[in-house]
Amino acid sequence: MKTAFALVASISVLATTAGMARAEDPQPAERAAAESAAQSWLGLIDAGNAAASWASAATLFRARVTEAQWANAVTGVRDGLGPLKSRTLESATLVHTLPGAPDGRYIVFKYSAVFANKAGATETVTPMLEADGSWHVSGYYVR
């Protein structure tokens, strides 16, 4: 399962606290819009709909990861975890710079998650603000 986790990490834009510069609290309206995008996207992942999650991801994400690569990676990781039992938002941080990504507006959401086969997981979901003003997920990581 470690290989599957590493694959997801390597094919998506990652957001880790150590790699973030100029972290700040997002404005309420911006946070709400980004959180809505993250929640909708996670719902697709939770339902096993990798194709729809890829299609609704950020342009940056889709440019770096093919739909087939994403389907293989996410299926490998999430199948091993089993069904989601609960997810609790732990933090939301606005950043402008992330490793391996262009400067922009990103909100890094960290969730505590409980899966059938892994009780203590941390999910990191990072929506980014697209040029059209909408938020789309640019990174997902499970640890």
Foldseek 3Di string as FASTA:
>chain_A
DVVLQVLQVVLFFDDDPVFFDPKDDDDVVVVVQQVVQQVVLVVCLLVLNLQVSLVQADPLSCVRAPSVSSSVSSCVVDVQQAHWDDKAWDDWIWGQDGPPDHGFTKIWIWIFTQGPRRGGKIKIWIWTQDPVRHTGTRGIGID
